[in-house]
Amino acid sequence: MERERQGGWVYIMADRYRGTMYVGVTSHLAARIHQHLSGGGSDFCARYGLTRLVWAERGEDMIRCN
């Protein structure tokens, strides 16, 4: 299995304070959040109305496994 190191983002979307949460990983945060807000992100976020970005952190040493 080949591994290469790449940067990326870990983020949390929520519907309200202490409500339902979704944890995701992406290489392009702005584009991914736009997908969630337009209803094309994930079925889970669309189903539960998760439209608030509540946390995001850049990860420089994320490992991608092929």
Protein backbone atom coordinates (compact mmCIF):
# COMPACT_ATOMS: atom_id res chain seq x y z
CA MET A 1 0.00 0.00 0.00
CA GLU A 2 1.48 3.32 -1.07
CA ARG A 3 1.09 6.32 1.22
CA GLU A 4 1.71 9.94 0.40
CA ARG A 5 1.45 12.88 2.77
CA GLN A 6 -0.90 15.71 1.88
CA GLY A 7 -2.48 18.63 3.67
CA GLY A 8 -6.18 18.79 4.30
CA TRP A 9 -8.94 20.01 6.59
CA VAL A 10 -10.92 18.30 9.32
CA TYR A 11 -14.20 20.11 9.97
CA ILE A 12 -17.45 19.85 11.91
CA MET A 13 -20.87 20.94 10.66
CA ALA A 14 -23.87 21.30 13.00
CA ASP A 15 -27.49 22.39 12.96
CA ARG A 16 -27.47 24.24 16.30
CA TYR A 17 -25.67 24.44 19.62
CA ARG A 18 -25.31 20.94 21.07
CA GLY A 19 -27.31 19.54 18.18
CA THR A 20 -26.56 17.00 15.48
CA MET A 21 -22.98 17.06 14.18
CA TYR A 22 -21.13 15.82 11.10
CA VAL A 23 -17.34 15.40 10.95
CA GLY A 24 -15.70 15.56 7.53
CA VAL A 25 -12.29 15.69 5.88
CA THR A 26 -11.50 17.60 2.69
CA SER A 27 -8.60 19.08 0.76
CA HIS A 28 -10.55 22.25 -0.21
CA LEU A 29 -12.58 23.57 2.71
CA ALA A 30 -14.39 26.47 1.01
CA ALA A 31 -15.61 24.30 -1.87
CA ARG A 32 -16.77 21.54 0.46
CA ILE A 33 -18.70 23.91 2.72
CA HIS A 34 -20.36 25.41 -0.36
CA GLN A 35 -21.40 21.88 -1.38
CA HIS A 36 -22.97 21.31 2.05
CA LEU A 37 -24.84 24.63 1.96
CA SER A 38 -26.21 24.00 -1.53
CA GLY A 39 -27.48 20.53 -0.56
CA GLY A 40 -24.90 18.60 -2.57
CA GLY A 41 -22.45 17.86 0.24
CA SER A 42 -23.65 14.75 2.02
CA ASP A 43 -27.03 13.10 2.42
CA PHE A 44 -26.61 13.23 6.20
CA CYS A 45 -26.07 17.01 6.27
CA ALA A 46 -28.98 17.59 3.91
CA ARG A 47 -31.31 15.29 5.88
CA TYR A 48 -30.58 16.93 9.24
CA GLY A 49 -30.12 20.53 8.03
CA LEU A 50 -26.49 20.87 9.09
CA THR A 51 -25.57 24.30 7.75
CA ARG A 52 -23.20 25.73 10.37
CA LEU A 53 -19.47 25.27 10.18
CA VAL A 54 -18.56 25.10 13.88
CA TRP A 55 -14.92 24.00 13.73
CA ALA A 56 -12.16 23.49 11.17
CA GLU A 57 -8.47 22.68 11.54
CA ARG A 58 -5.76 22.42 8.92
CA GLY A 59 -3.80 19.16 9.04
CA GLU A 60 -0.43 19.16 7.33
CA ASP A 61 0.43 15.53 8.04
CA MET A 62 -2.73 13.76 6.99
CA ILE A 63 -1.98 10.45 5.32
CA ARG A 64 -3.67 9.35 2.13
CA CYS A 65 -3.85 5.61 1.55
CA ASN A 66 -4.35 4.31 -1.98
